[in-house]
Amino acid sequence: MTPALNSTMQCARIRLSVTSLVHSMFRVTELGDGVFIGCSVNHAVTDGTSFWNFFNSFAEICRRIGDDSDKSIERIARQPDFTRDSVLISPAILQVPDGRPKVTFNENEALSERIFSFSREAILELKAKVNNSVVNGDFNAVEILGKQSNDKYYAETAAPVSKTAEISSFQSLSALLWRAVEPEAFGNSIQSIPTYASAGDVKSRDLRWCSRQLNDRVRAHDYETVRLFARNWEEDPRCFPLGNFDGGCMTMGSSPRFPMYDNDFGWGRPLAVRIGGANKFDGKISAFPRREGNGSVDLDVVLAPETMAAIESDVEFMQYVMN
């Protein structure tokens, strides 16, 4: 959402296609006091990092077109890298069923959705708690949210980050949400890197123990694990299933590390970023940076109504929430 409108709005009217299939679509809605830009992208084609690089570059081009003093759009700030030498590039062909892939969750189930906001100070306090350390305000946003040693962009632009085994605040925040749900709602917890624990352990042990389970799984997901996953997928290519299959799963998506507010179409920075209605199911969590950045986080949480009510009454969880 942006605070003003000008003629460059037409730049956002775009539709890109791969053969006969829609890759991405944009819709611009003019409001009384601003503009809302809606975007839908085929996740089979691009990931979150690629999407935000594209969207921010798109905004940069539109801003330059609207600026009479600068017509050059040949050199955008962040050039895309189209090399195909990654271990994740595979010759395997995914056979999509006629029509479309099968939806693996109930699209009509009753759900509650809420955005929980966490300030920089709350994140620092939470991180210090799970690491048995004191609150230190001298962290940049990269350090607060996790290590970026494998991220070329952050390696070039951010302050050096020490390589320690401490639990990141993003893992701390995930563990906090994990513990807040009622015990009967849990059989296991699954993310892109699955982490499993019984409901009894999650509720009876402390926050540090829960955070450590996430931290250990992330640290164990090394280069060889990635290659093994790629080999297994090539032997049995399939769509990633979404949903809460046993009533005890939580899926964390998106990332507070994505540069969601680094786009300016010529109207100023966005006022807010929100997720659409696709692929929402009981246990789906999406993480965003807050507009002020600096390590603050918004969590878009989708849960069964009774589970949401339990979280909203959980004192341990709500003490860190801004709103």
C-alpha atoms as a PDB file:
ATOM      1  CA  MET A   1       0.000   0.000   0.000  1.00  0.00           C
ATOM      2  CA  THR A   2       1.405   3.382  -0.958  1.00  0.00           C
ATOM      3  CA  PRO A   3       0.453   6.890   0.202  1.00  0.00           C
ATOM      4  CA  ALA A   4      -0.148   8.713  -3.106  1.00  0.00           C
ATOM      5  CA  LEU A   5      -0.932   8.170  -6.789  1.00  0.00           C
ATOM      6  CA  ASN A   6       0.716   9.394  -9.980  1.00  0.00           C
ATOM      7  CA  SER A   7       0.888   8.442 -13.641  1.00  0.00           C
ATOM      8  CA  THR A   8       3.380   5.628 -13.117  1.00  0.00           C
ATOM      9  CA  MET A   9       0.535   3.474 -11.840  1.00  0.00           C
ATOM     10  CA  GLN A  10       0.227   2.142 -15.383  1.00  0.00           C
ATOM     11  CA  CYS A  11       3.604   0.420 -14.939  1.00  0.00           C
ATOM     12  CA  ALA A  12       1.950  -1.987 -12.516  1.00  0.00           C
ATOM     13  CA  ARG A  13      -0.582  -3.218 -15.086  1.00  0.00           C
ATOM     14  CA  ILE A  14       1.387  -6.208 -16.234  1.00  0.00           C
ATOM     15  CA  ARG A  15       0.815  -9.870 -16.917  1.00  0.00           C
ATOM     16  CA  LEU A  16       3.692 -12.253 -17.525  1.00  0.00           C
ATOM     17  CA  SER A  17       3.150 -15.699 -19.005  1.00  0.00           C
ATOM     18  CA  VAL A  18       5.184 -18.879 -19.265  1.00  0.00           C
ATOM     19  CA  THR A  19       3.853 -20.642 -22.392  1.00  0.00           C
ATOM     20  CA  SER A  20       0.100 -20.681 -21.787  1.00  0.00           C
ATOM     21  CA  LEU A  21       0.296 -20.535 -17.978  1.00  0.00           C
ATOM     22  CA  VAL A  22       0.119 -17.311 -15.964  1.00  0.00           C
ATOM     23  CA  HIS A  23       3.339 -16.685 -14.063  1.00  0.00           C
ATOM     24  CA  SER A  24       2.308 -13.535 -12.213  1.00  0.00           C
ATOM     25  CA  MET A  25      -0.482 -10.983 -12.134  1.00  0.00           C
ATOM     26  CA  PHE A  26      -0.789  -7.496 -10.684  1.00  0.00           C
ATOM     27  CA  ARG A  27      -3.811  -5.411  -9.829  1.00  0.00           C
ATOM     28  CA  VAL A  28      -3.744  -1.770  -8.780  1.00  0.00           C
ATOM     29  CA  THR A  29      -6.646  -0.285  -6.830  1.00  0.00           C
ATOM     30  CA  GLU A  30      -6.865   3.458  -6.292  1.00  0.00           C
ATOM     31  CA  LEU A  31      -8.164   4.303  -2.814  1.00  0.00           C
ATOM     32  CA  GLY A  32      -9.337   7.614  -1.434  1.00  0.00           C
ATOM     33  CA  ASP A  33      -5.979   8.358   0.151  1.00  0.00           C
ATOM     34  CA  GLY A  34      -3.566   5.921  -1.452  1.00  0.00           C
ATOM     35  CA  VAL A  35      -2.961   2.979  -3.757  1.00  0.00           C
ATOM     36  CA  PHE A  36      -3.187  -0.745  -3.091  1.00  0.00           C
ATOM     37  CA  ILE A  37      -0.979  -3.011  -5.250  1.00  0.00           C
ATOM     38  CA  GLY A  38      -1.975  -6.669  -5.279  1.00  0.00           C
ATOM     39  CA  CYS A  39       0.372  -9.287  -6.724  1.00  0.00           C
ATOM     40  CA  SER A  40      -0.002 -13.020  -7.256  1.00  0.00           C
ATOM     41  CA  VAL A  41       2.933 -15.150  -8.391  1.00  0.00           C
ATOM     42  CA  ASN A  42       3.331 -18.824  -9.253  1.00  0.00           C
ATOM     43  CA  HIS A  43       5.421 -20.238  -6.407  1.00  0.00           C
ATOM     44  CA  ALA A  44       6.563 -23.123  -8.620  1.00  0.00           C
ATOM     45  CA  VAL A  45       8.478 -20.590 -10.669  1.00  0.00           C
ATOM     46  CA  THR A  46       9.981 -18.266  -8.066  1.00  0.00           C
ATOM     47  CA  ASP A  47      10.745 -18.206  -4.346  1.00  0.00           C
ATOM     48  CA  GLY A  48      10.369 -15.381  -1.843  1.00  0.00           C
ATOM     49  CA  THR A  49      13.880 -14.015  -2.313  1.00  0.00           C
ATOM     50  CA  SER A  50      13.469 -13.887  -6.087  1.00  0.00           C
ATOM     51  CA  PHE A  51      10.003 -12.363  -5.805  1.00  0.00           C
ATOM     52  CA  TRP A  52      11.052  -9.468  -3.587  1.00  0.00           C
ATOM     53  CA  ASN A  53      14.112  -8.802  -5.720  1.00  0.00           C
ATOM     54  CA  PHE A  54      11.806  -8.636  -8.744  1.00  0.00           C
ATOM     55  CA  PHE A  55       9.135  -6.523  -7.053  1.00  0.00           C
ATOM     56  CA  ASN A  56      11.629  -3.997  -5.709  1.00  0.00           C
ATOM     57  CA  SER A  57      13.352  -3.764  -9.113  1.00  0.00           C
ATOM     58  CA  PHE A  58       9.930  -3.306 -10.742  1.00  0.00           C
ATOM     59  CA  ALA A  59       9.247  -0.407  -8.383  1.00  0.00           C
ATOM     60  CA  GLU A  60      12.669   1.087  -9.124  1.00  0.00           C
ATOM     61  CA  ILE A  61      12.006   1.030 -12.886  1.00  0.00           C
ATOM     62  CA  CYS A  62       8.568   2.638 -12.428  1.00  0.00           C
ATOM     63  CA  ARG A  63      10.063   5.345 -10.221  1.00  0.00           C
ATOM     64  CA  ARG A  64      12.732   6.157 -12.822  1.00  0.00           C
ATOM     65  CA  ILE A  65      10.148   6.305 -15.622  1.00  0.00           C
ATOM     66  CA  GLY A  66       8.131   8.771 -13.559  1.00  0.00           C
ATOM     67  CA  ASP A  67      11.164  10.919 -12.823  1.00  0.00           C
ATOM     68  CA  ASP A  68      11.727  13.376 -15.692  1.00  0.00           C
ATOM     69  CA  SER A  69      15.292  13.969 -14.574  1.00  0.00           C
ATOM     70  CA  ASP A  70      16.340  10.305 -14.976  1.00  0.00           C
ATOM     71  CA  LYS A  71      15.157   8.188 -17.910  1.00  0.00           C
ATOM     72  CA  SER A  72      17.814   5.493 -17.563  1.00  0.00           C
ATOM     73  CA  ILE A  73      16.403   2.104 -16.568  1.00  0.00           C
ATOM     74  CA  GLU A  74      19.136  -0.087 -18.025  1.00  0.00           C
ATOM     75  CA  ARG A  75      21.030  -0.472 -14.759  1.00  0.00           C
ATOM     76  CA  ILE A  76      18.855  -1.387 -11.823  1.00  0.00           C
ATOM     77  CA  ALA A  77      20.413  -1.534  -8.370  1.00  0.00           C
ATOM     78  CA  ARG A  78      20.258  -5.317  -7.981  1.00  0.00           C
ATOM     79  CA  GLN A  79      20.824  -7.281 -11.151  1.00  0.00           C
ATOM     80  CA  PRO A  80      19.092 -10.683 -11.293  1.00  0.00           C
ATOM     81  CA  ASP A  81      21.273 -13.764 -11.536  1.00  0.00           C
ATOM     82  CA  PHE A  82      19.963 -16.273 -14.092  1.00  0.00           C
ATOM     83  CA  THR A  83      22.811 -18.773 -13.880  1.00  0.00           C
ATOM     84  CA  ARG A  84      21.645 -22.379 -13.615  1.00  0.00           C
ATOM     85  CA  ASP A  85      24.464 -24.104 -11.754  1.00  0.00           C
ATOM     86  CA  SER A  86      22.744 -24.670  -8.408  1.00  0.00           C
ATOM     87  CA  VAL A  87      22.412 -28.152  -6.913  1.00  0.00           C
ATOM     88  CA  LEU A  88      18.677 -27.465  -6.766  1.00  0.00           C
ATOM     89  CA  ILE A  89      18.398 -27.146 -10.564  1.00  0.00           C
ATOM     90  CA  SER A  90      17.043 -30.505 -11.680  1.00  0.00           C
ATOM     91  CA  PRO A  91      16.250 -32.142 -15.033  1.00  0.00           C
ATOM     92  CA  ALA A  92      13.378 -34.027 -13.396  1.00  0.00           C
ATOM     93  CA  ILE A  93       9.916 -33.265 -14.798  1.00  0.00           C
ATOM     94  CA  LEU A  94       6.998 -32.769 -12.420  1.00  0.00           C
ATOM     95  CA  GLN A  95       3.864 -34.296 -13.916  1.00  0.00           C
ATOM     96  CA  VAL A  96       0.971 -32.034 -12.949  1.00  0.00           C
ATOM     97  CA  PRO A  97      -2.467 -33.712 -12.884  1.00  0.00           C
ATOM     98  CA  ASP A  98      -5.036 -32.608 -15.452  1.00  0.00           C
ATOM     99  CA  GLY A  99      -6.651 -29.369 -14.383  1.00  0.00           C
ATOM    100  CA  ARG A 100      -4.423 -28.460 -11.466  1.00  0.00           C
ATOM    101  CA  PRO A 101      -2.603 -30.026  -8.521  1.00  0.00           C
ATOM    102  CA  LYS A 102      -4.898 -31.325  -5.801  1.00  0.00           C
ATOM    103  CA  VAL A 103      -5.461 -29.022  -2.838  1.00  0.00           C
ATOM    104  CA  THR A 104      -4.301 -30.903   0.258  1.00  0.00           C
ATOM    105  CA  PHE A 105      -6.253 -28.960   2.889  1.00  0.00           C
ATOM    106  CA  ASN A 106      -9.871 -27.994   3.524  1.00  0.00           C
ATOM    107  CA  GLU A 107     -10.413 -24.679   1.761  1.00  0.00           C
ATOM    108  CA  ASN A 108     -13.765 -24.156   3.507  1.00  0.00           C
ATOM    109  CA  GLU A 109     -12.854 -24.785   7.149  1.00  0.00           C
ATOM    110  CA  ALA A 110     -13.529 -22.038   9.683  1.00  0.00           C
ATOM    111  CA  LEU A 111     -10.376 -20.070  10.450  1.00  0.00           C
ATOM    112  CA  SER A 112      -9.300 -17.095  12.530  1.00  0.00           C
ATOM    113  CA  GLU A 113      -6.530 -14.775  11.375  1.00  0.00           C
ATOM    114  CA  ARG A 114      -4.626 -12.134  13.280  1.00  0.00           C
ATOM    115  CA  ILE A 115      -1.387 -10.200  12.936  1.00  0.00           C
ATOM    116  CA  PHE A 116       0.774 -10.251  16.059  1.00  0.00           C
ATOM    117  CA  SER A 117       3.391  -7.499  16.139  1.00  0.00           C
ATOM    118  CA  PHE A 118       6.699  -7.673  18.011  1.00  0.00           C
ATOM    119  CA  SER A 119       8.941  -4.672  18.646  1.00  0.00           C
ATOM    120  CA  ARG A 120      12.732  -4.730  18.424  1.00  0.00           C
ATOM    121  CA  GLU A 121      12.905  -4.518  22.211  1.00  0.00           C
ATOM    122  CA  ALA A 122      10.592  -7.515  22.673  1.00  0.00           C
ATOM    123  CA  ILE A 123      12.614  -9.538  20.157  1.00  0.00           C
ATOM    124  CA  LEU A 124      15.884  -8.704  21.948  1.00  0.00           C
ATOM    125  CA  GLU A 125      14.365  -9.639  25.316  1.00  0.00           C
ATOM    126  CA  LEU A 126      13.068 -12.931  23.919  1.00  0.00           C
ATOM    127  CA  LYS A 127      16.406 -13.776  22.312  1.00  0.00           C
ATOM    128  CA  ALA A 128      18.288 -13.011  25.525  1.00  0.00           C
ATOM    129  CA  LYS A 129      15.901 -15.215  27.500  1.00  0.00           C
ATOM    130  CA  VAL A 130      16.374 -18.325  25.366  1.00  0.00           C
ATOM    131  CA  ASN A 131      20.163 -17.826  25.244  1.00  0.00           C
ATOM    132  CA  ASN A 132      20.491 -17.200  29.001  1.00  0.00           C
ATOM    133  CA  SER A 133      22.142 -13.853  28.313  1.00  0.00           C
ATOM    134  CA  VAL A 134      21.498 -10.199  29.035  1.00  0.00           C
ATOM    135  CA  VAL A 135      19.676  -7.859  26.651  1.00  0.00           C
ATOM    136  CA  ASN A 136      22.168  -6.170  24.346  1.00  0.00           C
ATOM    137  CA  GLY A 137      20.893  -3.333  22.170  1.00  0.00           C
ATOM    138  CA  ASP A 138      23.967  -3.335  19.946  1.00  0.00           C
ATOM    139  CA  PHE A 139      22.592  -5.786  17.371  1.00  0.00           C
ATOM    140  CA  ASN A 140      21.776  -4.872  13.810  1.00  0.00           C
ATOM    141  CA  ALA A 141      18.626  -6.332  12.266  1.00  0.00           C
ATOM    142  CA  VAL A 142      20.587  -9.100  10.518  1.00  0.00           C
ATOM    143  CA  GLU A 143      22.107 -10.256  13.791  1.00  0.00           C
ATOM    144  CA  ILE A 144      18.749 -10.163  15.570  1.00  0.00           C
ATOM    145  CA  LEU A 145      16.907 -12.300  13.038  1.00  0.00           C
ATOM    146  CA  GLY A 146      19.602 -14.871  12.299  1.00  0.00           C
ATOM    147  CA  LYS A 147      22.911 -15.501  10.667  1.00  0.00           C
ATOM    148  CA  GLN A 148      23.403 -14.508   7.036  1.00  0.00           C
ATOM    149  CA  SER A 149      26.835 -15.971   6.264  1.00  0.00           C
ATOM    150  CA  ASN A 150      25.461 -17.661   3.133  1.00  0.00           C
ATOM    151  CA  ASP A 151      23.634 -14.579   1.865  1.00  0.00           C
ATOM    152  CA  LYS A 152      25.693 -12.677  -0.712  1.00  0.00           C
ATOM    153  CA  TYR A 153      23.623  -9.485  -0.395  1.00  0.00           C
ATOM    154  CA  TYR A 154      23.963  -9.258   3.380  1.00  0.00           C
ATOM    155  CA  ALA A 155      27.607 -10.259   3.205  1.00  0.00           C
ATOM    156  CA  GLU A 156      28.204  -7.203   1.034  1.00  0.00           C
ATOM    157  CA  THR A 157      26.021  -4.697   2.871  1.00  0.00           C
ATOM    158  CA  ALA A 158      25.681  -5.668   6.524  1.00  0.00           C
ATOM    159  CA  ALA A 159      28.043  -5.460   9.441  1.00  0.00           C
ATOM    160  CA  PRO A 160      30.069  -8.625  10.118  1.00  0.00           C
ATOM    161  CA  VAL A 161      28.181 -11.232  12.129  1.00  0.00           C
ATOM    162  CA  SER A 162      29.897 -13.652  14.474  1.00  0.00           C
ATOM    163  CA  LYS A 163      29.468 -17.347  13.715  1.00  0.00           C
ATOM    164  CA  THR A 164      28.075 -18.662  16.986  1.00  0.00           C
ATOM    165  CA  ALA A 165      25.723 -21.465  17.912  1.00  0.00           C
ATOM    166  CA  GLU A 166      23.338 -19.176  19.742  1.00  0.00           C
ATOM    167  CA  ILE A 167      19.635 -19.420  19.085  1.00  0.00           C
ATOM    168  CA  SER A 168      18.399 -16.703  16.733  1.00  0.00           C
ATOM    169  CA  SER A 169      15.445 -14.572  17.742  1.00  0.00           C
ATOM    170  CA  PHE A 170      13.418 -15.865  14.785  1.00  0.00           C
ATOM    171  CA  GLN A 171      13.776 -19.380  16.214  1.00  0.00           C
ATOM    172  CA  SER A 172      12.943 -17.963  19.642  1.00  0.00           C
ATOM    173  CA  LEU A 173       9.802 -16.348  18.279  1.00  0.00           C
ATOM    174  CA  SER A 174       8.745 -19.562  16.547  1.00  0.00           C
ATOM    175  CA  ALA A 175       9.226 -21.491  19.779  1.00  0.00           C
ATOM    176  CA  LEU A 176       7.192 -18.922  21.715  1.00  0.00           C
ATOM    177  CA  LEU A 177       4.268 -19.374  19.334  1.00  0.00           C
ATOM    178  CA  TRP A 178       4.764 -23.164  19.459  1.00  0.00           C
ATOM    179  CA  ARG A 179       4.330 -23.238  23.255  1.00  0.00           C
ATOM    180  CA  ALA A 180       1.304 -20.933  23.268  1.00  0.00           C
ATOM    181  CA  VAL A 181      -1.060 -23.391  21.579  1.00  0.00           C
ATOM    182  CA  GLU A 182      -3.187 -25.707  23.719  1.00  0.00           C
ATOM    183  CA  PRO A 183      -1.655 -29.213  24.215  1.00  0.00           C
ATOM    184  CA  GLU A 184      -4.357 -31.061  22.283  1.00  0.00           C
ATOM    185  CA  ALA A 185      -3.527 -29.034  19.184  1.00  0.00           C
ATOM    186  CA  PHE A 186      -0.080 -30.616  18.883  1.00  0.00           C
ATOM    187  CA  GLY A 187       1.226 -33.942  17.671  1.00  0.00           C
ATOM    188  CA  ASN A 188       4.261 -32.512  15.934  1.00  0.00           C
ATOM    189  CA  SER A 189       5.544 -29.282  14.423  1.00  0.00           C
ATOM    190  CA  ILE A 190       6.648 -29.013  10.820  1.00  0.00           C
ATOM    191  CA  GLN A 191       8.394 -26.312   8.819  1.00  0.00           C
ATOM    192  CA  SER A 192      10.491 -26.403   5.682  1.00  0.00           C
ATOM    193  CA  ILE A 193      12.949 -28.102   8.013  1.00  0.00           C
ATOM    194  CA  PRO A 194      10.669 -30.315  10.135  1.00  0.00           C
ATOM    195  CA  THR A 195      10.972 -30.250  13.917  1.00  0.00           C
ATOM    196  CA  TYR A 196       9.117 -32.800  16.018  1.00  0.00           C
ATOM    197  CA  ALA A 197       8.150 -32.885  19.687  1.00  0.00           C
ATOM    198  CA  SER A 198       5.319 -34.262  21.757  1.00  0.00           C
ATOM    199  CA  ALA A 199       2.693 -31.915  23.192  1.00  0.00           C
ATOM    200  CA  GLY A 200       3.807 -32.969  26.676  1.00  0.00           C
ATOM    201  CA  ASP A 201       7.401 -31.905  26.070  1.00  0.00           C
ATOM    202  CA  VAL A 202       6.428 -28.590  24.494  1.00  0.00           C
ATOM    203  CA  LYS A 203       4.189 -27.647  27.417  1.00  0.00           C
ATOM    204  CA  SER A 204       6.253 -29.057  30.282  1.00  0.00           C
ATOM    205  CA  ARG A 205       9.701 -27.849  29.216  1.00  0.00           C
ATOM    206  CA  ASP A 206      10.830 -24.232  29.050  1.00  0.00           C
ATOM    207  CA  LEU A 207      11.096 -21.851  26.129  1.00  0.00           C
ATOM    208  CA  ARG A 208      14.833 -22.415  25.742  1.00  0.00           C
ATOM    209  CA  TRP A 209      14.301 -26.164  25.238  1.00  0.00           C
ATOM    210  CA  CYS A 210      11.718 -25.501  22.497  1.00  0.00           C
ATOM    211  CA  SER A 211      14.006 -22.993  20.794  1.00  0.00           C
ATOM    212  CA  ARG A 212      16.897 -25.437  20.966  1.00  0.00           C
ATOM    213  CA  GLN A 213      14.887 -28.056  19.045  1.00  0.00           C
ATOM    214  CA  LEU A 214      14.437 -25.593  16.169  1.00  0.00           C
ATOM    215  CA  ASN A 215      18.048 -24.434  16.364  1.00  0.00           C
ATOM    216  CA  ASP A 216      19.443 -27.980  16.299  1.00  0.00           C
ATOM    217  CA  ARG A 217      17.361 -28.926  13.266  1.00  0.00           C
ATOM    218  CA  VAL A 218      18.451 -25.837  11.334  1.00  0.00           C
ATOM    219  CA  ARG A 219      22.118 -26.439  12.151  1.00  0.00           C
ATOM    220  CA  ALA A 220      21.813 -30.080  11.080  1.00  0.00           C
ATOM    221  CA  HIS A 221      20.357 -29.085   7.707  1.00  0.00           C
ATOM    222  CA  ASP A 222      23.743 -28.831   6.027  1.00  0.00           C
ATOM    223  CA  TYR A 223      24.985 -29.019   2.450  1.00  0.00           C
ATOM    224  CA  GLU A 224      24.782 -32.814   2.286  1.00  0.00           C
ATOM    225  CA  THR A 225      21.220 -32.750   3.615  1.00  0.00           C
ATOM    226  CA  VAL A 226      20.226 -30.323   0.889  1.00  0.00           C
ATOM    227  CA  ARG A 227      21.798 -32.541  -1.778  1.00  0.00           C
ATOM    228  CA  LEU A 228      20.079 -35.630  -0.369  1.00  0.00           C
ATOM    229  CA  PHE A 229      16.715 -33.871  -0.493  1.00  0.00           C
ATOM    230  CA  ALA A 230      17.344 -32.903  -4.125  1.00  0.00           C
ATOM    231  CA  ARG A 231      18.280 -36.482  -5.073  1.00  0.00           C
ATOM    232  CA  ASN A 232      15.207 -37.911  -3.341  1.00  0.00           C
ATOM    233  CA  TRP A 233      12.955 -35.391  -5.073  1.00  0.00           C
ATOM    234  CA  GLU A 234      14.377 -36.295  -8.478  1.00  0.00           C
ATOM    235  CA  GLU A 235      13.532 -39.942  -7.833  1.00  0.00           C
ATOM    236  CA  ASP A 236       9.977 -39.032  -6.807  1.00  0.00           C
ATOM    237  CA  PRO A 237       9.092 -35.489  -7.997  1.00  0.00           C
ATOM    238  CA  ARG A 238       5.925 -34.179  -6.364  1.00  0.00           C
ATOM    239  CA  CYS A 239       4.203 -30.992  -5.273  1.00  0.00           C
ATOM    240  CA  PHE A 240       4.845 -29.862  -1.721  1.00  0.00           C
ATOM    241  CA  PRO A 241       1.760 -30.762   0.357  1.00  0.00           C
ATOM    242  CA  LEU A 242       0.222 -27.996   2.436  1.00  0.00           C
ATOM    243  CA  GLY A 243      -2.068 -28.351   5.428  1.00  0.00           C
ATOM    244  CA  ASN A 244      -2.404 -29.445   9.026  1.00  0.00           C
ATOM    245  CA  PHE A 245      -2.632 -33.172   8.461  1.00  0.00           C
ATOM    246  CA  ASP A 246      -2.986 -34.369  12.056  1.00  0.00           C
ATOM    247  CA  GLY A 247      -4.204 -31.220  13.801  1.00  0.00           C
ATOM    248  CA  GLY A 248      -0.786 -30.715  15.392  1.00  0.00           C
ATOM    249  CA  CYS A 249       1.264 -29.035  12.644  1.00  0.00           C
ATOM    250  CA  MET A 250       2.433 -25.457  12.301  1.00  0.00           C
ATOM    251  CA  THR A 251       4.021 -24.234   9.067  1.00  0.00           C
ATOM    252  CA  MET A 252       6.168 -21.094   9.141  1.00  0.00           C
ATOM    253  CA  GLY A 253       6.466 -19.326   5.805  1.00  0.00           C
ATOM    254  CA  SER A 254       7.822 -16.087   4.392  1.00  0.00           C
ATOM    255  CA  SER A 255      10.599 -14.339   6.340  1.00  0.00           C
ATOM    256  CA  PRO A 256      11.197 -11.132   8.328  1.00  0.00           C
ATOM    257  CA  ARG A 257      14.484 -10.922   6.412  1.00  0.00           C
ATOM    258  CA  PHE A 258      12.784 -10.183   3.087  1.00  0.00           C
ATOM    259  CA  PRO A 259      13.119  -6.515   1.990  1.00  0.00           C
ATOM    260  CA  MET A 260       9.356  -5.973   1.783  1.00  0.00           C
ATOM    261  CA  TYR A 261       9.497  -2.225   2.424  1.00  0.00           C
ATOM    262  CA  ASP A 262      12.427  -1.462   0.126  1.00  0.00           C
ATOM    263  CA  ASN A 263      10.224  -0.571  -2.836  1.00  0.00           C
ATOM    264  CA  ASP A 264       9.179   2.907  -3.958  1.00  0.00           C
ATOM    265  CA  PHE A 265       7.106   3.328  -7.126  1.00  0.00           C
ATOM    266  CA  GLY A 266       7.520   7.084  -6.867  1.00  0.00           C
ATOM    267  CA  TRP A 267       4.935   7.531  -4.117  1.00  0.00           C
ATOM    268  CA  GLY A 268       7.106   6.805  -1.074  1.00  0.00           C
ATOM    269  CA  ARG A 269       7.672   3.616   0.886  1.00  0.00           C
ATOM    270  CA  PRO A 270       4.740   1.248   1.459  1.00  0.00           C
ATOM    271  CA  LEU A 271       2.537   1.884   4.468  1.00  0.00           C
ATOM    272  CA  ALA A 272       1.818  -1.810   5.001  1.00  0.00           C
ATOM    273  CA  VAL A 273       2.396  -5.251   3.499  1.00  0.00           C
ATOM    274  CA  ARG A 274      -0.266  -7.933   3.829  1.00  0.00           C
ATOM    275  CA  ILE A 275      -0.630 -11.498   2.582  1.00  0.00           C
ATOM    276  CA  GLY A 276      -3.489 -12.610   0.330  1.00  0.00           C
ATOM    277  CA  GLY A 277      -6.021 -15.365   0.863  1.00  0.00           C
ATOM    278  CA  ALA A 278      -4.281 -18.209  -0.971  1.00  0.00           C
ATOM    279  CA  ASN A 279      -2.916 -21.288   0.803  1.00  0.00           C
ATOM    280  CA  LYS A 280      -4.233 -20.399   4.248  1.00  0.00           C
ATOM    281  CA  PHE A 281      -5.023 -23.260   6.591  1.00  0.00           C
ATOM    282  CA  ASP A 282      -5.025 -24.082  10.295  1.00  0.00           C
ATOM    283  CA  GLY A 283      -1.460 -23.640  11.528  1.00  0.00           C
ATOM    284  CA  LYS A 284      -0.150 -21.423   8.697  1.00  0.00           C
ATOM    285  CA  ILE A 285       2.164 -18.680   9.957  1.00  0.00           C
ATOM    286  CA  SER A 286       3.746 -15.986   7.767  1.00  0.00           C
ATOM    287  CA  ALA A 287       6.536 -13.742   9.064  1.00  0.00           C
ATOM    288  CA  PHE A 288       7.126 -10.164   7.855  1.00  0.00           C
ATOM    289  CA  PRO A 289       9.425  -7.339   8.867  1.00  0.00           C
ATOM    290  CA  ARG A 290       7.548  -4.386  10.354  1.00  0.00           C
ATOM    291  CA  ARG A 291       7.655  -1.074   8.493  1.00  0.00           C
ATOM    292  CA  GLU A 292      10.106   0.456  10.976  1.00  0.00           C
ATOM    293  CA  GLY A 293      12.445  -2.509  10.431  1.00  0.00           C
ATOM    294  CA  ASN A 294      15.471  -2.773  12.722  1.00  0.00           C
ATOM    295  CA  GLY A 295      14.559  -6.297  13.824  1.00  0.00           C
ATOM    296  CA  SER A 296      10.840  -5.832  14.554  1.00  0.00           C
ATOM    297  CA  VAL A 297       8.499  -8.544  13.232  1.00  0.00           C
ATOM    298  CA  ASP A 298       4.862  -9.093  12.247  1.00  0.00           C
ATOM    299  CA  LEU A 299       3.432 -12.615  12.340  1.00  0.00           C
ATOM    300  CA  ASP A 300       0.322 -13.309  10.261  1.00  0.00           C
ATOM    301  CA  VAL A 301      -1.205 -16.240  12.156  1.00  0.00           C
ATOM    302  CA  VAL A 302      -4.016 -18.445  10.811  1.00  0.00           C
ATOM    303  CA  LEU A 303      -5.539 -20.955  13.229  1.00  0.00           C
ATOM    304  CA  ALA A 304      -8.751 -22.739  14.115  1.00  0.00           C
ATOM    305  CA  PRO A 305     -10.925 -20.284  16.115  1.00  0.00           C
ATOM    306  CA  GLU A 306     -10.580 -22.177  19.393  1.00  0.00           C
ATOM    307  CA  THR A 307      -6.790 -22.377  19.006  1.00  0.00           C
ATOM    308  CA  MET A 308      -6.587 -18.643  18.273  1.00  0.00           C
ATOM    309  CA  ALA A 309      -8.617 -17.908  21.393  1.00  0.00           C
ATOM    310  CA  ALA A 310      -6.182 -20.024  23.429  1.00  0.00           C
ATOM    311  CA  ILE A 311      -3.168 -18.137  22.073  1.00  0.00           C
ATOM    312  CA  GLU A 312      -4.758 -14.754  22.785  1.00  0.00           C
ATOM    313  CA  SER A 313      -5.205 -15.772  26.416  1.00  0.00           C
ATOM    314  CA  ASP A 314      -1.686 -17.198  26.799  1.00  0.00           C
ATOM    315  CA  VAL A 315       0.190 -14.880  29.159  1.00  0.00           C
ATOM    316  CA  GLU A 316       3.692 -16.056  28.196  1.00  0.00           C
ATOM    317  CA  PHE A 317       3.040 -15.351  24.524  1.00  0.00           C
ATOM    318  CA  MET A 318       1.022 -12.137  24.777  1.00  0.00           C
ATOM    319  CA  GLN A 319       3.515 -10.362  27.057  1.00  0.00           C
ATOM    320  CA  TYR A 320       5.782  -9.916  24.017  1.00  0.00           C
ATOM    321  CA  VAL A 321       3.026  -8.777  21.612  1.00  0.00           C
ATOM    322  CA  MET A 322       2.655  -5.061  20.822  1.00  0.00           C
ATOM    323  CA  ASN A 323      -1.015  -5.093  19.811  1.00  0.00           C
END
